[in-house]
């Protein structure tokens, strides 16, 4: 079953729901305030373990915007 991400405009929280594809168009209610949530586009992030044990980004969303380093620890 896929995990879908939602945003609640009432309390400004993001939440995820594990639901079958047949429930894709069903309403999703915020677990914090019970308001109707809006489905949002999810981003995919994958990483690999480097030789030093650190995480190396493999593609998708880059948390270090504008950074050319292999590890985000050098950006802090």
PDB file of N, CA and C in Angstrom:
ATOM      1  N   UNK A   1       0.843  -1.183   0.000  1.00  0.00           N
ATOM      2  CA  UNK A   1       0.000   0.000   0.000  1.00  0.00           C
ATOM      3  C   UNK A   1       0.886   1.243   0.000  1.00  0.00           C
ATOM      4  N   UNK A   2       0.548   2.215  -0.821  1.00  0.00           N
ATOM      5  CA  UNK A   2       1.336   3.450  -0.869  1.00  0.00           C
ATOM      6  C   UNK A   2       1.070   4.368   0.323  1.00  0.00           C
ATOM      7  N   UNK A   3       2.047   5.200   0.607  1.00  0.00           N
ATOM      8  CA  UNK A   3       1.913   6.231   1.638  1.00  0.00           C
ATOM      9  C   UNK A   3       1.681   7.558   0.911  1.00  0.00           C
ATOM     10  N   UNK A   4       0.626   8.254   1.292  1.00  0.00           N
ATOM     11  CA  UNK A   4       0.305   9.551   0.705  1.00  0.00           C
ATOM     12  C   UNK A   4       0.535  10.647   1.736  1.00  0.00           C
ATOM     13  N   UNK A   5       1.027  11.795   1.266  1.00  0.00           N
ATOM     14  CA  UNK A   5       1.273  12.933   2.149  1.00  0.00           C
ATOM     15  C   UNK A   5       0.173  13.975   1.965  1.00  0.00           C
ATOM     16  N   UNK A   6      -0.186  14.599   3.075  1.00  0.00           N
ATOM     17  CA  UNK A   6      -1.256  15.601   3.084  1.00  0.00           C
ATOM     18  C   UNK A   6      -0.815  16.820   3.880  1.00  0.00           C
ATOM     19  N   UNK A   7      -1.477  17.948   3.598  1.00  0.00           N
ATOM     20  CA  UNK A   7      -1.241  19.195   4.326  1.00  0.00           C
ATOM     21  C   UNK A   7      -2.578  19.703   4.840  1.00  0.00           C
ATOM     22  N   UNK A   8      -2.596  20.108   6.101  1.00  0.00           N
ATOM     23  CA  UNK A   8      -3.791  20.675   6.709  1.00  0.00           C
ATOM     24  C   UNK A   8      -3.649  22.196   6.731  1.00  0.00           C
ATOM     25  N   UNK A   9      -4.510  22.879   6.004  1.00  0.00           N
ATOM     26  CA  UNK A   9      -4.425  24.341   5.956  1.00  0.00           C
ATOM     27  C   UNK A   9      -4.940  24.986   7.241  1.00  0.00           C
ATOM     28  N   UNK A  10      -5.704  24.254   8.040  1.00  0.00           N
ATOM     29  CA  UNK A  10      -6.234  24.810   9.284  1.00  0.00           C
ATOM     30  C   UNK A  10      -5.143  24.919  10.359  1.00  0.00           C
ATOM     31  N   UNK A  11      -4.421  23.813  10.618  1.00  0.00           N
ATOM     32  CA  UNK A  11      -3.399  23.840  11.674  1.00  0.00           C
ATOM     33  C   UNK A  11      -1.977  23.837  11.120  1.00  0.00           C
ATOM     34  N   UNK A  12      -1.847  23.874   9.787  1.00  0.00           N
ATOM     35  CA  UNK A  12      -0.561  23.964   9.086  1.00  0.00           C
ATOM     36  C   UNK A  12       0.353  22.763   9.329  1.00  0.00           C
ATOM     37  N   UNK A  13      -0.216  21.598   9.557  1.00  0.00           N
ATOM     38  CA  UNK A  13       0.624  20.418   9.775  1.00  0.00           C
ATOM     39  C   UNK A  13       0.614  19.520   8.540  1.00  0.00           C
ATOM     40  N   UNK A  14       1.685  18.748   8.383  1.00  0.00           N
ATOM     41  CA  UNK A  14       1.780  17.746   7.334  1.00  0.00           C
ATOM     42  C   UNK A  14       1.574  16.390   7.990  1.00  0.00           C
ATOM     43  N   UNK A  15       0.891  15.498   7.278  1.00  0.00           N
ATOM     44  CA  UNK A  15       0.702  14.148   7.803  1.00  0.00           C
ATOM     45  C   UNK A  15       0.685  13.152   6.659  1.00  0.00           C
ATOM     46  N   UNK A  16       0.935  11.897   6.996  1.00  0.00           N
ATOM     47  CA  UNK A  16       0.975  10.818   6.017  1.00  0.00           C
ATOM     48  C   UNK A  16      -0.084   9.790   6.351  1.00  0.00           C
ATOM     49  N   UNK A  17      -0.628   9.166   5.307  1.00  0.00           N
ATOM     50  CA  UNK A  17      -1.588   8.080   5.477  1.00  0.00           C
ATOM     51  C   UNK A  17      -1.196   6.919   4.581  1.00  0.00           C
ATOM     52  N   UNK A  18      -1.237   5.730   5.137  1.00  0.00           N
ATOM     53  CA  UNK A  18      -1.033   4.508   4.384  1.00  0.00           C
ATOM     54  C   UNK A  18      -2.408   4.050   3.928  1.00  0.00           C
ATOM     55  N   UNK A  19      -2.664   4.088   2.614  1.00  0.00           N
ATOM     56  CA  UNK A  19      -3.983   3.728   2.110  1.00  0.00           C
ATOM     57  C   UNK A  19      -3.863   2.986   0.791  1.00  0.00           C
ATOM     58  N   UNK A  20      -4.864   2.174   0.534  1.00  0.00           N
ATOM     59  CA  UNK A  20      -4.879   1.441  -0.726  1.00  0.00           C
ATOM     60  C   UNK A  20      -5.176   2.417  -1.862  1.00  0.00           C
ATOM     61  N   UNK A  21      -4.807   2.015  -3.063  1.00  0.00           N
ATOM     62  CA  UNK A  21      -5.013   2.888  -4.219  1.00  0.00           C
ATOM     63  C   UNK A  21      -6.492   3.110  -4.511  1.00  0.00           C
ATOM     64  N   UNK A  22      -7.342   2.202  -4.103  1.00  0.00           N
ATOM     65  CA  UNK A  22      -8.781   2.395  -4.331  1.00  0.00           C
ATOM     66  C   UNK A  22      -9.338   3.512  -3.437  1.00  0.00           C
ATOM     67  N   UNK A  23      -8.615   3.894  -2.391  1.00  0.00           N
ATOM     68  CA  UNK A  23      -9.035   4.979  -1.493  1.00  0.00           C
ATOM     69  C   UNK A  23      -8.359   6.304  -1.840  1.00  0.00           C
ATOM     70  N   UNK A  24      -7.679   6.352  -2.965  1.00  0.00           N
ATOM     71  CA  UNK A  24      -6.907   7.530  -3.358  1.00  0.00           C
ATOM     72  C   UNK A  24      -7.719   8.818  -3.326  1.00  0.00           C
ATOM     73  N   UNK A  25      -8.949   8.773  -3.771  1.00  0.00           N
ATOM     74  CA  UNK A  25      -9.771   9.988  -3.844  1.00  0.00           C
ATOM     75  C   UNK A  25     -10.657  10.215  -2.622  1.00  0.00           C
ATOM     76  N   UNK A  26     -10.545   9.354  -1.621  1.00  0.00           N
ATOM     77  CA  UNK A  26     -11.310   9.554  -0.382  1.00  0.00           C
ATOM     78  C   UNK A  26     -10.737  10.731   0.403  1.00  0.00           C
ATOM     79  N   UNK A  27     -11.591  11.386   1.174  1.00  0.00           N
ATOM     80  CA  UNK A  27     -11.126  12.494   2.011  1.00  0.00           C
ATOM     81  C   UNK A  27     -10.144  11.988   3.060  1.00  0.00           C
ATOM     82  N   UNK A  28      -9.157  12.829   3.380  1.00  0.00           N
ATOM     83  CA  UNK A  28      -8.177  12.518   4.421  1.00  0.00           C
ATOM     84  C   UNK A  28      -8.276  13.595   5.491  1.00  0.00           C
ATOM     85  N   UNK A  29      -8.428  13.175   6.730  1.00  0.00           N
ATOM     86  CA  UNK A  29      -8.626  14.136   7.814  1.00  0.00           C
ATOM     87  C   UNK A  29      -7.389  14.209   8.698  1.00  0.00           C
ATOM     88  N   UNK A  30      -7.029  15.417   9.060  1.00  0.00           N
ATOM     89  CA  UNK A  30      -5.839  15.697   9.862  1.00  0.00           C
ATOM     90  C   UNK A  30      -5.947  15.018  11.234  1.00  0.00           C
ATOM     91  N   UNK A  31      -4.911  14.295  11.647  1.00  0.00           N
ATOM     92  CA  UNK A  31      -4.938  13.645  12.958  1.00  0.00           C
ATOM     93  C   UNK A  31      -4.812  14.633  14.121  1.00  0.00           C
ATOM     94  N   UNK A  32      -4.407  15.875  13.841  1.00  0.00           N
ATOM     95  CA  UNK A  32      -4.253  16.882  14.890  1.00  0.00           C
ATOM     96  C   UNK A  32      -5.546  17.636  15.169  1.00  0.00           C
ATOM     97  N   UNK A  33      -6.202  18.122  14.089  1.00  0.00           N
ATOM     98  CA  UNK A  33      -7.391  18.958  14.288  1.00  0.00           C
ATOM     99  C   UNK A  33      -8.644  18.413  13.604  1.00  0.00           C
ATOM    100  N   UNK A  34      -8.520  17.317  12.885  1.00  0.00           N
ATOM    101  CA  UNK A  34      -9.625  16.637  12.213  1.00  0.00           C
ATOM    102  C   UNK A  34     -10.208  17.420  11.027  1.00  0.00           C
ATOM    103  N   UNK A  35      -9.483  18.428  10.537  1.00  0.00           N
ATOM    104  CA  UNK A  35      -9.920  19.154   9.340  1.00  0.00           C
ATOM    105  C   UNK A  35      -9.532  18.350   8.101  1.00  0.00           C
ATOM    106  N   UNK A  36     -10.189  18.626   6.988  1.00  0.00           N
ATOM    107  CA  UNK A  36      -9.893  17.924   5.745  1.00  0.00           C
ATOM    108  C   UNK A  36      -8.524  18.365   5.222  1.00  0.00           C
ATOM    109  N   UNK A  37      -7.671  17.382   4.914  1.00  0.00           N
ATOM    110  CA  UNK A  37      -6.336  17.670   4.402  1.00  0.00           C
ATOM    111  C   UNK A  37      -6.308  17.667   2.884  1.00  0.00           C
ATOM    112  N   UNK A  38      -5.289  18.307   2.337  1.00  0.00           N
ATOM    113  CA  UNK A  38      -5.102  18.374   0.897  1.00  0.00           C
ATOM    114  C   UNK A  38      -3.882  17.530   0.542  1.00  0.00           C
ATOM    115  N   UNK A  39      -4.022  16.644  -0.458  1.00  0.00           N
ATOM    116  CA  UNK A  39      -2.908  15.794  -0.866  1.00  0.00           C
ATOM    117  C   UNK A  39      -1.819  16.660  -1.474  1.00  0.00           C
ATOM    118  N   UNK A  40      -0.556  16.396  -1.112  1.00  0.00           N
ATOM    119  CA  UNK A  40       0.576  17.146  -1.640  1.00  0.00           C
ATOM    120  C   UNK A  40       1.521  16.204  -2.364  1.00  0.00           C
ATOM    121  N   UNK A  41       2.344  16.750  -3.211  1.00  0.00           N
ATOM    122  CA  UNK A  41       3.319  15.985  -3.967  1.00  0.00           C
ATOM    123  C   UNK A  41       4.471  15.597  -3.048  1.00  0.00           C
ATOM    124  N   UNK A  42       4.794  14.333  -3.026  1.00  0.00           N
ATOM    125  CA  UNK A  42       5.892  13.838  -2.206  1.00  0.00           C
ATOM    126  C   UNK A  42       7.196  13.916  -2.978  1.00  0.00           C
ATOM    127  N   UNK A  43       8.280  14.138  -2.262  1.00  0.00           N
ATOM    128  CA  UNK A  43       9.602  14.103  -2.879  1.00  0.00           C
ATOM    129  C   UNK A  43      10.298  12.817  -2.465  1.00  0.00           C
ATOM    130  N   UNK A  44      11.142  12.323  -3.322  1.00  0.00           N
ATOM    131  CA  UNK A  44      11.850  11.083  -3.065  1.00  0.00           C
ATOM    132  C   UNK A  44      13.303  11.400  -2.774  1.00  0.00           C
ATOM    133  N   UNK A  45      13.833  10.765  -1.764  1.00  0.00           N
ATOM    134  CA  UNK A  45      15.220  10.990  -1.377  1.00  0.00           C
ATOM    135  C   UNK A  45      15.852   9.636  -1.099  1.00  0.00           C
ATOM    136  N   UNK A  46      16.982   9.380  -1.710  1.00  0.00           N
ATOM    137  CA  UNK A  46      17.697   8.140  -1.406  1.00  0.00           C
ATOM    138  C   UNK A  46      19.151   8.475  -1.127  1.00  0.00           C
ATOM    139  N   UNK A  47      19.781   7.644  -0.335  1.00  0.00           N
ATOM    140  CA  UNK A  47      21.177   7.879   0.001  1.00  0.00           C
ATOM    141  C   UNK A  47      21.885   6.545   0.155  1.00  0.00           C
ATOM    142  N   UNK A  48      23.172   6.627   0.171  1.00  0.00           N
ATOM    143  CA  UNK A  48      24.014   5.453   0.327  1.00  0.00           C
ATOM    144  C   UNK A  48      24.999   5.732   1.452  1.00  0.00           C
ATOM    145  N   UNK A  49      25.471   4.691   2.084  1.00  0.00           N
ATOM    146  CA  UNK A  49      26.439   4.856   3.162  1.00  0.00           C
ATOM    147  C   UNK A  49      27.830   4.982   2.563  1.00  0.00           C
ATOM    148  N   UNK A  50      28.540   6.045   2.920  1.00  0.00           N
ATOM    149  CA  UNK A  50      29.895   6.263   2.444  1.00  0.00           C
ATOM    150  C   UNK A  50      30.907   5.438   3.230  1.00  0.00           C
ATOM    151  N   UNK A  51      32.154   5.485   2.811  1.00  0.00           N
ATOM    152  CA  UNK A  51      33.205   4.710   3.472  1.00  0.00           C
ATOM    153  C   UNK A  51      33.437   5.172   4.905  1.00  0.00           C
ATOM    154  N   UNK A  52      33.126   6.441   5.190  1.00  0.00           N
ATOM    155  CA  UNK A  52      33.282   6.963   6.550  1.00  0.00           C
ATOM    156  C   UNK A  52      32.047   6.732   7.411  1.00  0.00           C
ATOM    157  N   UNK A  53      31.034   6.039   6.857  1.00  0.00           N
ATOM    158  CA  UNK A  53      29.803   5.773   7.601  1.00  0.00           C
ATOM    159  C   UNK A  53      28.756   6.846   7.436  1.00  0.00           C
ATOM    160  N   UNK A  54      29.109   7.952   6.772  1.00  0.00           N
ATOM    161  CA  UNK A  54      28.162   9.046   6.570  1.00  0.00           C
ATOM    162  C   UNK A  54      27.230   8.765   5.412  1.00  0.00           C
ATOM    163  N   UNK A  55      26.220   9.580   5.283  1.00  0.00           N
ATOM    164  CA  UNK A  55      25.217   9.425   4.245  1.00  0.00           C
ATOM    165  C   UNK A  55      25.622  10.228   3.012  1.00  0.00           C
ATOM    166  N   UNK A  56      25.525   9.604   1.845  1.00  0.00           N
ATOM    167  CA  UNK A  56      25.848  10.262   0.583  1.00  0.00           C
ATOM    168  C   UNK A  56      24.569  10.341  -0.241  1.00  0.00           C
ATOM    169  N   UNK A  57      24.129  11.567  -0.631  1.00  0.00           N
ATOM    170  CA  UNK A  57      22.910  11.688  -1.438  1.00  0.00           C
ATOM    171  C   UNK A  57      23.079  11.000  -2.787  1.00  0.00           C
ATOM    172  N   UNK A  58      22.030  10.284  -3.234  1.00  0.00           N
ATOM    173  CA  UNK A  58      22.074   9.568  -4.499  1.00  0.00           C
ATOM    174  C   UNK A  58      21.191  10.228  -5.556  1.00  0.00           C
ATOM    175  N   UNK A  59      20.469  11.241  -5.212  1.00  0.00           N
ATOM    176  CA  UNK A  59      19.568  11.896  -6.158  1.00  0.00           C
ATOM    177  C   UNK A  59      18.314  12.334  -5.452  1.00  0.00           C
ATOM    178  N   UNK A  60      17.386  12.901  -6.199  1.00  0.00           N
ATOM    179  CA  UNK A  60      16.159  13.393  -5.596  1.00  0.00           C
ATOM    180  C   UNK A  60      16.382  14.742  -4.961  1.00  0.00           C
ATOM    181  N   UNK A  61      15.714  14.995  -3.858  1.00  0.00           N
ATOM    182  CA  UNK A  61      15.771  16.285  -3.176  1.00  0.00           C
ATOM    183  C   UNK A  61      17.099  16.467  -2.465  1.00  0.00           C
ATOM    184  N   UNK A  62      17.742  17.600  -2.640  1.00  0.00           N
ATOM    185  CA  UNK A  62      19.015  17.909  -1.993  1.00  0.00           C
ATOM    186  C   UNK A  62      18.760  18.897  -0.867  1.00  0.00           C
ATOM    187  N   UNK A  63      18.984  18.478   0.377  1.00  0.00           N
ATOM    188  CA  UNK A  63      18.753  19.347   1.535  1.00  0.00           C
ATOM    189  C   UNK A  63      19.725  20.512   1.597  1.00  0.00           C
ATOM    190  N   UNK A  64      20.895  20.362   0.982  1.00  0.00           N
ATOM    191  CA  UNK A  64      21.900  21.425   0.981  1.00  0.00           C
ATOM    192  C   UNK A  64      21.747  22.232  -0.308  1.00  0.00           C
ATOM    193  N   UNK A  65      20.798  23.136  -0.352  1.00  0.00           N
ATOM    194  CA  UNK A  65      20.563  23.876  -1.577  1.00  0.00           C
ATOM    195  C   UNK A  65      21.790  24.708  -1.944  1.00  0.00           C
ATOM    196  N   UNK A  66      22.250  24.549  -3.162  1.00  0.00           N
ATOM    197  CA  UNK A  66      23.406  25.301  -3.644  1.00  0.00           C
ATOM    198  C   UNK A  66      24.730  24.735  -3.182  1.00  0.00           C
ATOM    199  N   UNK A  67      24.717  23.626  -2.487  1.00  0.00           N
ATOM    200  CA  UNK A  67      25.941  23.054  -1.949  1.00  0.00           C
ATOM    201  C   UNK A  67      26.465  21.994  -2.913  1.00  0.00           C
ATOM    202  N   UNK A  68      27.771  21.976  -3.133  1.00  0.00           N
ATOM    203  CA  UNK A  68      28.341  20.966  -4.027  1.00  0.00           C
ATOM    204  C   UNK A  68      29.080  19.876  -3.259  1.00  0.00           C
ATOM    205  N   UNK A  69      28.984  19.874  -1.945  1.00  0.00           N
ATOM    206  CA  UNK A  69      29.647  18.870  -1.123  1.00  0.00           C
ATOM    207  C   UNK A  69      28.886  17.557  -1.165  1.00  0.00           C
ATOM    208  N   UNK A  70      29.571  16.451  -0.926  1.00  0.00           N
ATOM    209  CA  UNK A  70      28.928  15.127  -0.908  1.00  0.00           C
ATOM    210  C   UNK A  70      28.175  14.898   0.376  1.00  0.00           C
ATOM    211  N   UNK A  71      28.515  15.614   1.435  1.00  0.00           N
ATOM    212  CA  UNK A  71      27.862  15.410   2.730  1.00  0.00           C
ATOM    213  C   UNK A  71      27.338  16.744   3.262  1.00  0.00           C
ATOM    214  N   UNK A  72      26.131  16.738   3.785  1.00  0.00           N
ATOM    215  CA  UNK A  72      25.546  17.966   4.340  1.00  0.00           C
ATOM    216  C   UNK A  72      26.242  18.399   5.622  1.00  0.00           C
ATOM    217  N   UNK A  73      27.026  17.521   6.252  1.00  0.00           N
ATOM    218  CA  UNK A  73      27.711  17.900   7.497  1.00  0.00           C
ATOM    219  C   UNK A  73      28.713  19.025   7.254  1.00  0.00           C
ATOM    220  N   UNK A  74      29.202  19.171   6.006  1.00  0.00           N
ATOM    221  CA  UNK A  74      30.146  20.242   5.698  1.00  0.00           C
ATOM    222  C   UNK A  74      29.446  21.583   5.514  1.00  0.00           C
ATOM    223  N   UNK A  75      28.121  21.582   5.415  1.00  0.00           N
ATOM    224  CA  UNK A  75      27.360  22.815   5.198  1.00  0.00           C
ATOM    225  C   UNK A  75      26.968  23.503   6.501  1.00  0.00           C
ATOM    226  N   UNK A  76      27.094  22.817   7.609  1.00  0.00           N
ATOM    227  CA  UNK A  76      26.617  23.380   8.886  1.00  0.00           C
ATOM    228  C   UNK A  76      27.481  24.453   9.402  1.00  0.00           C
TER     229      UNK A  76
END
